[in-house]
Amino acid sequence: MTELLRGLGASPGAATGPAYRLADPPRLPAPRPVTDPDAEVDRAFAAIDAVRRDISARAEAADEPTTTEILRAQAALAGDRTLRDGIAMAVRSGHEAPHAVATVLAEHRSALLAAGGLLAARAVDLDDLRDRVVAACLGLPMPALPRPGHPFVLVAVDLAPADAALLDPSEVLAVLTSAGSYVSHTAILARARGVPTVVACSGALDIADGTAVKVDGTTGRVTVRPREPYPATAASRSPELAMDVRGATRDGHPVALLANIGSAAELAGVCVEGVGLFRTELLFQHHLDPPGVAEQVAAYAAVFGAMAGRQVVIRTLDAGSDKPLPFLREDQEPNPALGIRGLRVARRREDILRTQIAAIAEAARSSTAKVAVMAPMVTTVAEAAQFAALCRDAGLPTVGVMVEVPAAAVRAREFLQAVDFLSVGTNDLSQYTFAADRRSGELADLLDPWQPALLSLVALCAAAGQAVGRPVGVCGEAATDPDFAVVLAGLGVTSLSMSPAAIPAVGAALAARTFDECRAAAAGALAGADPAAARAAARRR
């Protein structure tokens, strides 16, 4: 009998195929007395080193820059000195190597003790590191991805970066997880690979191996035992849609379609109007000290050169909270998400911001790219004005800010008196609007971008832009949903920035509708009582 499950659409597209579940990792054995602590410490450290080498090798072998960066960050976790010291202490207090590993990583995970350092990675990364090191201690392999001999839908509690890095779109038709969120590593890596994905789906783990499922990564709907037959090939995935590189509605209303990137490597073979979000924190991520001017200039110039004559919006360092950097590990904050992050880092280390702005300006001077700079985590008009003055004094005339907190959204018109544009970051704006940690799978329903309250804040920003004649874009990954992109266009958003792989489908969705139809869809979504009603209303209109 056909059964309908619901989760969160995390990577657009749809696919149908037989489901196969990722096996659970090895379990801890019953504890035994420690008779040789030194040997147990050596056993634990050897396991950690083996896991670090394995993850590092996967990072170097990855064919996609986002995957490489995420895996490098996880490998760095395994080399953290605090972790090793804690494990050694746990062994000497009576824990065997695998139990010491599990105990120490559980402490790090639950308390987020390293919120200002490398161990502030997402919980799934710590869980995966624990499982891999425990397996290595026991001399057991971690479960590999299923190999049924034909394309399939992968089902799991969640995917660790090391597993997600191995996703082959010719074999894995779609991903379905019971945990996770729109901004989990599973979602980010699946979008980068163009694999339809639904996360936070209750009932996913009850699906028996071999059962046919249809996964719609746009709507979050999962159909178990669908009535229509499916071909057991990769072709069952929704086909890519061709589009002109410039985004517009059917009647010619322009909506720029831009790319979210972290480095020049992500632009290889990509044809886009421009870059709407150049995340510079990836350049800083693996440094014990901030990168110097020369290194930064080279990284920025590579992107500007690839986008000659086109727009590039570069975001200054977005660090803190769930984006830790080792050289910013100063004080452990009680609530890092509400503390020193984004532009606020300059309150402690203004030199880092000034150096970065100088490097951006130097790289821009020798380029024909249309370079704009924006700051993350801006909360007051005064902060926006100070940042704009700093950039303009350096020779960067086009300056904007991210709208990631409700305080900025409700004062959007005043912000646009100080800066040239706004860019709405839907991930963080959701987090702060609904007081829901964006890393929490249990709160994933509150982080659904179709929440009408979030749409209302985006509408406030767009209306402010229209009133003063300045652009307002959206650079959150929510823009990868073609239906949601139509609503954003209808709200008056002037540009949408997303993973390059999502641009064709979004462009096709806009090109199929008039601007009036987009506005009608937006009005329907705004009037919805909840995300499901907002989606339904938008589609009806």
Protein backbone atom coordinates (compact mmCIF):
# COMPACT_ATOMS: atom_id res chain seq x y z
CA MET A 1 0.00 0.00 0.00
CA THR A 2 1.26 3.45 -0.91
CA GLU A 3 2.36 5.54 2.09
CA LEU A 4 3.21 9.25 2.18
CA LEU A 5 5.95 10.55 4.49
CA ARG A 6 7.02 14.15 4.96
CA GLY A 7 10.37 15.69 5.70
CA LEU A 8 12.27 18.79 4.70
CA GLY A 9 13.30 19.18 1.09
CA ALA A 10 17.05 19.82 1.28
CA SER A 11 18.27 19.36 -2.30
CA PRO A 12 15.88 19.94 -5.22
CA GLY A 13 14.79 17.37 -7.77
CA ALA A 14 12.93 14.08 -7.60
CA ALA A 15 13.98 10.46 -7.99
CA THR A 16 12.41 7.04 -7.63
CA GLY A 17 14.17 3.80 -6.83
CA PRO A 18 14.65 0.98 -4.31
CA ALA A 19 15.66 2.06 -0.83
CA TYR A 20 18.74 0.69 0.94
CA ARG A 21 19.81 1.73 4.41
CA LEU A 22 23.30 2.63 5.55
CA ALA A 23 24.25 0.10 8.24
CA ASP A 24 24.80 1.21 11.80
CA PRO A 25 28.41 1.61 13.00
CA PRO A 26 30.00 -0.96 15.36
CA ARG A 27 28.77 -0.81 18.95
CA LEU A 28 30.96 -0.48 22.00
CA PRO A 29 31.74 -3.80 23.70
CA ALA A 30 31.23 -4.30 27.43
CA PRO A 31 33.91 -2.40 29.37
CA ARG A 32 36.91 -4.29 30.76
CA PRO A 33 39.54 -3.31 33.32
CA VAL A 34 42.57 -1.43 31.99
CA THR A 35 45.78 -3.30 32.83
CA ASP A 36 48.22 -1.33 30.63
CA PRO A 37 47.22 2.36 30.35
CA ASP A 38 50.14 3.26 28.08
CA ALA A 39 49.14 0.57 25.60
CA GLU A 40 45.54 1.75 25.66
CA VAL A 41 46.59 5.35 25.00
CA ASP A 42 48.74 4.16 22.08
CA ARG A 43 45.78 2.13 20.80
CA ALA A 44 43.49 5.15 20.92
CA PHE A 45 46.02 7.49 19.29
CA ALA A 46 46.78 4.98 16.54
CA ALA A 47 43.06 4.74 15.77
CA ILE A 48 42.70 8.52 15.67
CA ASP A 49 45.69 8.83 13.32
CA ALA A 50 44.29 6.15 11.02
CA VAL A 51 40.93 7.89 10.84
CA ARG A 52 42.56 11.28 10.24
CA ARG A 53 44.62 9.86 7.36
CA ASP A 54 41.55 8.22 5.83
CA ILE A 55 39.44 11.38 5.96
CA SER A 56 42.34 13.49 4.65
CA ALA A 57 42.76 11.09 1.72
CA ARG A 58 39.06 11.38 0.93
CA ALA A 59 39.37 15.17 1.05
CA GLU A 60 42.22 15.17 -1.46
CA ALA A 61 40.40 12.71 -3.72
CA ALA A 62 37.13 14.67 -3.69
CA ASP A 63 36.21 16.18 -7.04
CA GLU A 64 34.17 19.05 -5.60
CA PRO A 65 35.62 21.97 -3.58
CA THR A 66 32.88 22.16 -0.95
CA THR A 67 33.36 18.48 -0.15
CA THR A 68 37.11 18.96 0.13
CA GLU A 69 36.79 21.85 2.56
CA ILE A 70 34.28 20.06 4.80
CA LEU A 71 36.41 16.91 4.95
CA ARG A 72 39.55 18.88 5.71
CA ALA A 73 37.76 20.50 8.63
CA GLN A 74 36.71 17.10 9.96
CA ALA A 75 40.24 15.75 9.59
CA ALA A 76 41.44 18.73 11.61
CA LEU A 77 39.12 17.68 14.42
CA ALA A 78 41.00 14.39 14.69
CA GLY A 79 44.24 16.28 15.14
CA ASP A 80 42.96 18.53 17.92
CA ARG A 81 45.29 18.46 20.94
CA THR A 82 42.46 18.93 23.43
CA LEU A 83 40.77 15.77 22.16
CA ARG A 84 43.92 13.69 22.54
CA ASP A 85 44.68 15.01 26.00
CA GLY A 86 41.14 14.21 27.13
CA ILE A 87 41.31 10.67 25.79
CA ALA A 88 44.64 10.05 27.52
CA MET A 89 43.16 11.28 30.82
CA ALA A 90 40.09 9.07 30.36
CA VAL A 91 42.26 6.01 29.75
CA ARG A 92 44.34 6.70 32.86
CA SER A 93 41.14 7.01 34.88
CA GLY A 94 40.17 3.45 33.92
CA HIS A 95 38.52 3.56 30.48
CA GLU A 96 39.59 1.27 27.64
CA ALA A 97 40.56 3.04 24.41
CA PRO A 98 37.16 2.80 22.62
CA HIS A 99 35.26 3.80 25.76
CA ALA A 100 37.65 6.68 26.39
CA VAL A 101 37.09 7.95 22.84
CA ALA A 102 33.30 7.70 23.16
CA THR A 103 33.27 9.37 26.58
CA VAL A 104 35.44 12.34 25.63
CA LEU A 105 33.69 13.03 22.32
CA ALA A 106 30.31 12.79 24.05
CA GLU A 107 31.46 15.47 26.48
CA HIS A 108 32.62 17.73 23.65
CA ARG A 109 29.40 17.19 21.76
CA SER A 110 26.98 17.79 24.62
CA ALA A 111 28.67 20.84 26.09
CA LEU A 112 30.12 22.37 22.88
CA LEU A 113 33.20 23.15 24.95
CA ALA A 114 35.24 24.16 21.96
CA ALA A 115 32.75 26.65 20.52
CA GLY A 116 35.63 29.00 19.72
CA GLY A 117 37.87 26.35 18.18
CA LEU A 118 38.02 23.41 15.85
CA LEU A 119 35.73 21.21 17.94
CA ALA A 120 32.77 23.53 17.32
CA ALA A 121 31.92 21.48 14.23
CA ARG A 122 28.45 20.15 13.86
CA ALA A 123 27.32 17.31 16.07
CA VAL A 124 27.15 14.84 13.20
CA ASP A 125 30.86 15.39 12.52
CA LEU A 126 31.72 14.57 16.13
CA ASP A 127 29.42 11.53 16.06
CA ASP A 128 31.06 10.27 12.90
CA LEU A 129 34.54 10.85 14.25
CA ARG A 130 33.60 8.89 17.38
CA ASP A 131 32.20 5.99 15.37
CA ARG A 132 35.21 5.81 13.07
CA VAL A 133 37.76 5.94 15.87
CA VAL A 134 35.86 3.37 17.94
CA ALA A 135 35.70 1.05 14.91
CA ALA A 136 39.44 1.50 14.34
CA CYS A 137 40.13 0.74 18.03
CA LEU A 138 38.17 -2.48 17.68
CA GLY A 139 39.83 -3.43 14.40
CA LEU A 140 36.49 -3.27 12.59
CA PRO A 141 35.63 -1.43 9.38
CA MET A 142 33.05 1.32 9.30
CA PRO A 143 30.00 0.28 7.24
CA ALA A 144 30.42 1.28 3.60
CA LEU A 145 27.66 2.68 1.43
CA PRO A 146 25.30 -0.05 0.17
CA ARG A 147 26.29 -1.74 -3.09
CA PRO A 148 23.13 -3.45 -4.37
CA GLY A 149 24.46 -3.56 -7.94
CA HIS A 150 22.01 -1.02 -9.35
CA PRO A 151 21.00 2.61 -8.66
CA PHE A 152 19.20 3.10 -5.35
CA VAL A 153 17.86 5.58 -2.79
CA LEU A 154 20.17 5.86 0.22
CA VAL A 155 18.42 5.86 3.62
CA ALA A 156 20.23 6.80 6.85
CA VAL A 157 19.85 8.52 10.18
CA ASP A 158 22.18 11.16 8.75
CA LEU A 159 25.26 11.14 6.55
CA ALA A 160 28.67 12.11 7.81
CA PRO A 161 30.86 14.17 5.46
CA ALA A 162 33.15 11.19 4.84
CA ASP A 163 30.17 9.17 3.57
CA ALA A 164 28.55 12.03 1.68
CA ALA A 165 31.84 12.60 -0.12
CA LEU A 166 31.48 9.15 -1.70
CA LEU A 167 28.03 9.79 -3.15
CA ASP A 168 28.09 8.89 -6.83
CA PRO A 169 25.07 10.47 -8.57
CA SER A 170 25.11 7.63 -11.11
CA GLU A 171 24.46 5.15 -8.28
CA VAL A 172 22.73 7.12 -5.52
CA LEU A 173 19.49 8.41 -6.98
CA ALA A 174 18.43 10.30 -3.86
CA VAL A 175 19.15 10.58 -0.15
CA LEU A 176 16.59 10.22 2.63
CA THR A 177 17.49 10.80 6.29
CA SER A 178 15.58 10.73 9.55
CA ALA A 179 17.69 13.52 11.06
CA GLY A 180 19.47 16.58 9.70
CA SER A 181 18.35 19.99 8.55
CA TYR A 182 18.46 22.19 5.47
CA VAL A 183 21.92 23.42 6.47
CA SER A 184 23.40 20.08 7.60
CA HIS A 185 26.46 18.75 5.81
CA THR A 186 24.29 16.07 4.24
CA ALA A 187 22.15 18.76 2.62
CA ILE A 188 25.06 20.96 1.56
CA LEU A 189 27.02 18.11 -0.04
CA ALA A 190 23.93 16.61 -1.70
CA ARG A 191 23.10 19.98 -3.27
CA ALA A 192 26.68 20.33 -4.48
CA ARG A 193 26.36 16.95 -6.20
CA GLY A 194 22.86 17.54 -7.54
CA VAL A 195 21.35 14.59 -5.60
CA PRO A 196 17.68 15.05 -4.54
CA THR A 197 17.50 14.89 -0.76
CA VAL A 198 14.88 14.91 1.99
CA VAL A 199 16.01 15.24 5.62
CA ALA A 200 14.28 15.10 9.01
CA CYS A 201 11.80 12.55 7.69
CA SER A 202 10.02 10.61 10.41
CA GLY A 203 9.46 7.01 9.38
CA ALA A 204 12.41 6.88 6.99
CA LEU A 205 14.18 4.20 9.02
CA ASP A 206 11.11 1.95 8.92
CA ILE A 207 11.43 1.48 5.15
CA ALA A 208 12.64 -2.04 4.39
CA ASP A 209 15.57 -2.56 2.02
CA GLY A 210 14.45 -2.96 -1.57
CA THR A 211 11.17 -1.06 -1.08
CA ALA A 212 10.41 1.39 -3.87
CA VAL A 213 10.36 5.04 -2.78
CA LYS A 214 9.94 8.34 -4.54
CA VAL A 215 11.93 11.19 -2.97
CA ASP A 216 11.00 14.77 -3.86
CA GLY A 217 13.77 17.01 -2.60
CA THR A 218 11.86 20.13 -3.54
CA THR A 219 8.64 19.52 -1.59
CA GLY A 220 9.95 17.17 1.10
CA ARG A 221 7.40 14.48 0.13
CA VAL A 222 8.45 10.83 0.21
CA THR A 223 6.15 8.25 -1.35
CA VAL A 224 6.70 4.69 -0.17
CA ARG A 225 5.65 2.07 -2.74
CA PRO A 226 4.50 4.61 -5.37
CA ARG A 227 1.96 3.37 -7.88
CA GLU A 228 3.96 4.37 -10.92
CA PRO A 229 6.78 2.02 -11.96
CA TYR A 230 10.36 3.24 -12.02
CA PRO A 231 13.40 2.36 -14.11
CA ALA A 232 16.29 1.19 -11.89
CA THR A 233 18.72 3.57 -13.53
CA ALA A 234 20.12 6.98 -12.76
CA ALA A 235 17.82 8.35 -15.47
CA SER A 236 14.93 8.16 -13.01
CA ARG A 237 16.21 11.38 -11.49
CA SER A 238 14.44 14.51 -12.69
CA PRO A 239 16.28 15.78 -15.78
CA GLU A 240 18.26 19.00 -15.74
CA LEU A 241 16.53 21.93 -17.38
CA ALA A 242 18.33 24.13 -19.85
CA MET A 243 18.14 27.87 -19.39
CA ASP A 244 19.59 31.12 -20.57
CA VAL A 245 22.32 32.38 -18.26
CA ARG A 246 20.28 35.51 -17.41
CA GLY A 247 17.28 34.97 -15.15
CA ALA A 248 13.91 36.52 -15.96
CA THR A 249 10.21 35.77 -15.80
CA ARG A 250 8.27 34.84 -18.91
CA ASP A 251 7.33 38.47 -19.53
CA GLY A 252 10.89 39.72 -19.07
CA HIS A 253 11.03 40.88 -15.45
CA PRO A 254 14.71 40.40 -14.50
CA VAL A 255 15.74 38.31 -11.48
CA ALA A 256 19.50 37.82 -11.45
CA LEU A 257 20.58 34.22 -10.84
CA LEU A 258 23.93 34.18 -9.10
CA ALA A 259 26.25 31.59 -7.59
CA ASN A 260 27.25 30.87 -4.00
CA ILE A 261 30.91 29.87 -3.91
CA GLY A 262 33.81 29.49 -1.50
CA SER A 263 36.70 29.58 -3.96
CA ALA A 264 37.57 30.06 -7.64
CA ALA A 265 37.67 26.28 -8.11
CA GLU A 266 33.87 26.15 -7.81
CA LEU A 267 33.53 28.30 -10.93
CA ALA A 268 35.30 25.80 -13.20
CA GLY A 269 33.00 24.94 -16.09
CA VAL A 270 30.20 27.10 -14.68
CA CYS A 271 28.43 29.82 -16.70
CA VAL A 272 26.57 32.24 -14.43
CA GLU A 273 25.57 35.90 -14.40
CA GLY A 274 27.81 36.49 -11.45
CA VAL A 275 28.59 35.56 -7.87
CA GLY A 276 26.07 36.61 -5.25
CA LEU A 277 27.96 35.18 -2.27
CA PHE A 278 31.70 34.60 -2.15
CA ARG A 279 32.26 33.00 1.28
CA THR A 280 35.73 34.08 2.32
CA GLU A 281 35.85 32.09 5.58
CA LEU A 282 37.03 29.00 3.68
CA LEU A 283 40.29 30.84 3.03
CA PHE A 284 40.75 31.38 6.78
CA GLN A 285 39.51 28.01 7.97
CA HIS A 286 42.72 26.01 8.21
CA HIS A 287 45.08 28.73 9.39
CA LEU A 288 46.50 28.92 12.89
CA ASP A 289 47.03 32.64 12.18
CA PRO A 290 45.01 34.86 9.82
CA PRO A 291 46.18 34.66 6.19
CA GLY A 292 48.29 37.61 5.08
CA VAL A 293 47.45 40.22 2.47
CA ALA A 294 49.31 38.48 -0.37
CA GLU A 295 47.53 35.15 0.14
CA GLN A 296 44.16 36.86 0.35
CA VAL A 297 44.78 39.00 -2.74
CA ALA A 298 45.64 35.90 -4.77
CA ALA A 299 42.45 34.07 -3.70
CA TYR A 300 40.20 37.05 -4.40
CA ALA A 301 41.90 37.88 -7.71
CA ALA A 302 41.31 34.31 -8.94
CA VAL A 303 37.55 34.70 -8.48
CA PHE A 304 37.48 38.24 -9.89
CA GLY A 305 39.44 37.05 -12.93
CA ALA A 306 37.02 34.19 -13.57
CA MET A 307 34.12 36.66 -13.36
CA ALA A 308 35.63 39.37 -15.59
CA GLY A 309 32.98 41.97 -16.41
CA ARG A 310 30.44 40.31 -14.12
CA GLN A 311 29.21 40.93 -10.60
CA VAL A 312 30.98 39.44 -7.59
CA VAL A 313 29.58 40.04 -4.11
CA ILE A 314 32.26 39.13 -1.59
CA ARG A 315 31.33 38.63 2.05
CA THR A 316 33.85 39.57 4.68
CA LEU A 317 34.88 36.95 7.21
CA ASP A 318 31.86 35.20 8.72
CA ALA A 319 33.37 33.47 11.74
CA GLY A 320 32.18 32.45 15.17
CA SER A 321 29.36 30.22 16.43
CA ASP A 322 29.25 27.19 14.10
CA LYS A 323 32.13 28.57 11.98
CA PRO A 324 35.05 28.50 14.41
CA LEU A 325 38.58 29.61 13.62
CA PRO A 326 41.57 28.59 15.74
CA PHE A 327 43.07 32.08 15.90
CA LEU A 328 39.82 33.50 17.31
CA ARG A 329 39.67 31.05 20.20
CA GLU A 330 39.78 33.57 23.04
CA ASP A 331 36.80 33.32 25.35
CA GLN A 332 34.29 30.49 25.57
CA GLU A 333 30.94 32.21 25.23
CA PRO A 334 27.83 30.88 26.98
CA ASN A 335 25.81 31.25 23.76
CA PRO A 336 28.12 31.58 20.73
CA ALA A 337 25.28 32.08 18.22
CA LEU A 338 24.36 35.27 20.09
CA GLY A 339 27.92 36.36 20.68
CA ILE A 340 31.03 37.45 18.80
CA ARG A 341 30.43 36.32 15.23
CA GLY A 342 30.39 37.85 11.75
CA LEU A 343 31.12 41.57 11.72
CA ARG A 344 31.26 41.52 15.53
CA VAL A 345 34.66 39.80 15.36
CA ALA A 346 36.02 43.27 14.54
CA ARG A 347 35.13 44.38 18.07
CA ARG A 348 38.04 42.23 19.23
CA ARG A 349 40.18 41.95 16.08
CA GLU A 350 39.61 45.00 13.90
CA ASP A 351 42.96 44.29 12.26
CA ILE A 352 41.53 41.16 10.61
CA LEU A 353 38.69 43.14 8.99
CA ARG A 354 40.93 45.99 7.89
CA THR A 355 43.46 43.59 6.37
CA GLN A 356 40.74 41.75 4.49
CA ILE A 357 39.19 44.92 3.09
CA ALA A 358 42.62 46.14 1.96
CA ALA A 359 43.25 42.80 0.21
CA ILE A 360 39.85 42.88 -1.52
CA ALA A 361 40.48 46.44 -2.71
CA GLU A 362 43.92 45.55 -4.06
CA ALA A 363 42.57 42.53 -5.95
CA ALA A 364 39.64 44.56 -7.33
CA ARG A 365 41.92 47.31 -8.71
CA SER A 366 43.44 44.96 -11.28
CA SER A 367 40.16 43.32 -12.30
CA THR A 368 37.21 44.19 -14.54
CA ALA A 369 34.78 42.31 -12.27
CA LYS A 370 32.06 44.42 -10.67
CA VAL A 371 33.14 43.90 -7.09
CA ALA A 372 30.78 44.58 -4.20
CA VAL A 373 31.51 43.90 -0.52
CA MET A 374 29.06 42.95 2.21
CA ALA A 375 29.33 42.26 5.93
CA PRO A 376 27.64 39.41 7.84
CA MET A 377 25.74 39.62 11.13
CA VAL A 378 24.98 43.35 10.95
CA THR A 379 22.39 44.39 13.51
CA THR A 380 22.23 48.19 13.65
CA VAL A 381 22.28 51.03 11.15
CA ALA A 382 25.35 52.41 12.90
CA GLU A 383 27.25 49.18 12.27
CA ALA A 384 26.24 49.30 8.61
CA ALA A 385 27.36 52.91 8.25
CA GLN A 386 30.73 52.24 9.91
CA PHE A 387 31.37 49.24 7.67
CA ALA A 388 30.40 51.21 4.56
CA ALA A 389 32.77 54.04 5.48
CA LEU A 390 35.62 51.58 6.03
CA CYS A 391 35.09 49.98 2.60
CA ARG A 392 34.65 53.24 0.72
CA ASP A 393 37.76 54.72 2.31
CA ALA A 394 39.65 51.69 0.94
CA GLY A 395 38.35 52.36 -2.58
CA LEU A 396 35.44 49.90 -2.65
CA PRO A 397 32.40 51.99 -3.62
CA THR A 398 29.65 49.33 -3.64
CA VAL A 399 28.85 48.15 -0.13
CA GLY A 400 26.04 46.08 1.32
CA VAL A 401 25.12 44.09 4.40
CA MET A 402 23.58 40.73 5.16
CA VAL A 403 20.12 40.62 6.70
CA GLU A 404 20.36 37.72 9.14
CA VAL A 405 18.62 39.04 12.24
CA PRO A 406 15.06 40.40 12.53
CA ALA A 407 16.41 43.74 13.82
CA ALA A 408 17.96 44.37 10.41
CA ALA A 409 14.87 43.25 8.49
CA VAL A 410 12.46 45.56 10.31
CA ARG A 411 14.82 48.53 9.76
CA ALA A 412 15.69 47.62 6.18
CA ARG A 413 14.75 51.02 4.76
CA GLU A 414 17.03 52.81 7.23
CA PHE A 415 19.84 50.38 6.40
CA LEU A 416 19.48 51.23 2.72
CA GLN A 417 20.20 54.85 3.52
CA ALA A 418 23.66 53.75 4.66
CA VAL A 419 24.51 51.00 2.16
CA ASP A 420 23.90 50.21 -1.50
CA PHE A 421 22.18 46.82 -1.23
CA LEU A 422 20.89 44.13 1.12
CA SER A 423 21.37 40.38 0.88
CA VAL A 424 19.04 38.20 2.93
CA GLY A 425 20.62 35.09 4.47
CA THR A 426 17.59 32.86 4.99
CA ASN A 427 19.44 30.22 7.05
CA ASP A 428 20.45 32.57 9.85
CA LEU A 429 17.37 34.75 9.55
CA SER A 430 15.29 31.62 10.22
CA GLN A 431 17.49 30.67 13.16
CA TYR A 432 17.16 34.05 14.86
CA THR A 433 13.51 34.59 13.99
CA PHE A 434 12.38 31.27 15.45
CA ALA A 435 15.02 30.98 18.20
CA ALA A 436 15.93 27.57 16.73
CA ASP A 437 19.52 26.38 16.36
CA ARG A 438 19.99 25.70 12.68
CA ARG A 439 22.09 22.62 13.52
CA SER A 440 19.22 20.97 15.40
CA GLY A 441 17.38 18.26 13.47
CA GLU A 442 14.65 18.22 16.12
CA LEU A 443 13.80 21.84 15.29
CA ALA A 444 14.00 21.42 11.52
CA ASP A 445 10.29 22.22 11.08
CA LEU A 446 10.86 25.70 12.53
CA LEU A 447 13.66 26.28 10.04
CA ASP A 448 11.49 25.52 7.01
CA PRO A 449 12.02 28.52 4.67
CA TRP A 450 8.29 28.45 3.84
CA GLN A 451 7.46 29.67 7.34
CA PRO A 452 5.14 32.67 6.71
CA ALA A 453 6.89 34.74 9.40
CA LEU A 454 10.18 34.41 7.53
CA LEU A 455 8.47 35.34 4.27
CA SER A 456 7.07 38.45 5.96
CA LEU A 457 10.57 39.59 6.94
CA VAL A 458 11.85 39.01 3.40
CA ALA A 459 8.88 41.00 2.10
CA LEU A 460 9.80 43.90 4.42
CA CYS A 461 13.31 43.97 2.99
CA ALA A 462 12.12 43.77 -0.62
CA ALA A 463 9.58 46.56 -0.07
CA ALA A 464 12.30 48.75 1.43
CA GLY A 465 14.47 48.17 -1.61
CA GLN A 466 11.64 49.07 -3.97
CA ALA A 467 10.88 52.24 -1.99
CA VAL A 468 14.41 53.61 -2.31
CA GLY A 469 15.33 52.00 -5.63
CA ARG A 470 18.07 49.72 -4.34
CA PRO A 471 18.57 45.97 -4.87
CA VAL A 472 17.64 43.35 -2.31
CA GLY A 473 18.79 39.78 -2.96
CA VAL A 474 18.50 36.42 -1.23
CA CYS A 475 21.67 34.35 -0.88
CA GLY A 476 20.39 31.58 1.40
CA GLU A 477 20.23 28.07 0.00
CA ALA A 478 16.43 28.26 0.25
CA ALA A 479 16.61 29.88 -3.18
CA THR A 480 17.48 26.47 -4.67
CA ASP A 481 13.80 25.44 -4.40
CA PRO A 482 12.27 26.50 -7.75
CA ASP A 483 8.80 27.07 -6.25
CA PHE A 484 10.26 29.12 -3.41
CA ALA A 485 12.33 31.13 -5.89
CA VAL A 486 9.11 32.06 -7.71
CA VAL A 487 7.68 33.34 -4.42
CA LEU A 488 10.84 35.34 -3.67
CA ALA A 489 10.66 36.95 -7.09
CA GLY A 490 7.02 37.81 -6.43
CA LEU A 491 7.97 39.46 -3.14
CA GLY A 492 10.21 41.82 -5.08
CA VAL A 493 13.61 40.20 -4.51
CA THR A 494 15.94 41.33 -7.31
CA SER A 495 18.52 38.51 -7.24
CA LEU A 496 18.78 34.92 -6.08
CA SER A 497 22.12 33.36 -5.22
CA MET A 498 22.53 29.61 -4.78
CA SER A 499 24.62 26.54 -5.53
CA PRO A 500 25.50 26.64 -9.24
CA ALA A 501 23.93 23.21 -9.80
CA ALA A 502 20.51 24.58 -8.78
CA ILE A 503 20.46 27.52 -11.19
CA PRO A 504 19.05 25.72 -14.28
CA ALA A 505 15.90 24.47 -12.51
CA VAL A 506 15.30 27.83 -10.80
CA GLY A 507 15.78 29.69 -14.07
CA ALA A 508 13.31 27.39 -15.83
CA ALA A 509 10.72 27.90 -13.08
CA LEU A 510 10.94 31.69 -13.39
CA ALA A 511 10.90 31.58 -17.18
CA ALA A 512 7.63 29.59 -17.10
CA ARG A 513 5.73 32.28 -15.16
CA THR A 514 4.85 35.93 -15.60
CA PHE A 515 5.78 38.42 -12.92
CA ASP A 516 2.10 38.80 -12.00
CA GLU A 517 1.91 35.05 -11.45
CA CYS A 518 4.97 35.27 -9.20
CA ARG A 519 3.32 38.04 -7.20
CA ALA A 520 0.14 36.02 -6.85
CA ALA A 521 2.15 33.04 -5.59
CA ALA A 522 3.91 35.30 -3.08
CA ALA A 523 0.63 36.72 -1.81
CA GLY A 524 -0.74 33.23 -1.33
CA ALA A 525 2.34 32.07 0.57
CA LEU A 526 2.29 35.12 2.85
CA ALA A 527 -1.32 34.40 3.75
CA GLY A 528 -0.59 30.78 4.69
CA ALA A 529 -1.02 29.72 8.30
CA ASP A 530 2.01 27.41 8.24
CA PRO A 531 4.68 26.17 5.78
CA ALA A 532 2.42 23.48 4.27
CA ALA A 533 -0.38 25.99 3.68
CA ALA A 534 2.08 28.51 2.25
CA ARG A 535 3.41 25.95 -0.24
CA ALA A 536 -0.06 24.85 -1.26
CA ALA A 537 -1.32 28.40 -1.70
CA ALA A 538 1.69 29.40 -3.79
CA ARG A 539 1.21 26.45 -6.12
CA ARG A 540 -2.54 27.02 -6.50
CA ARG A 541 -1.93 30.57 -7.63
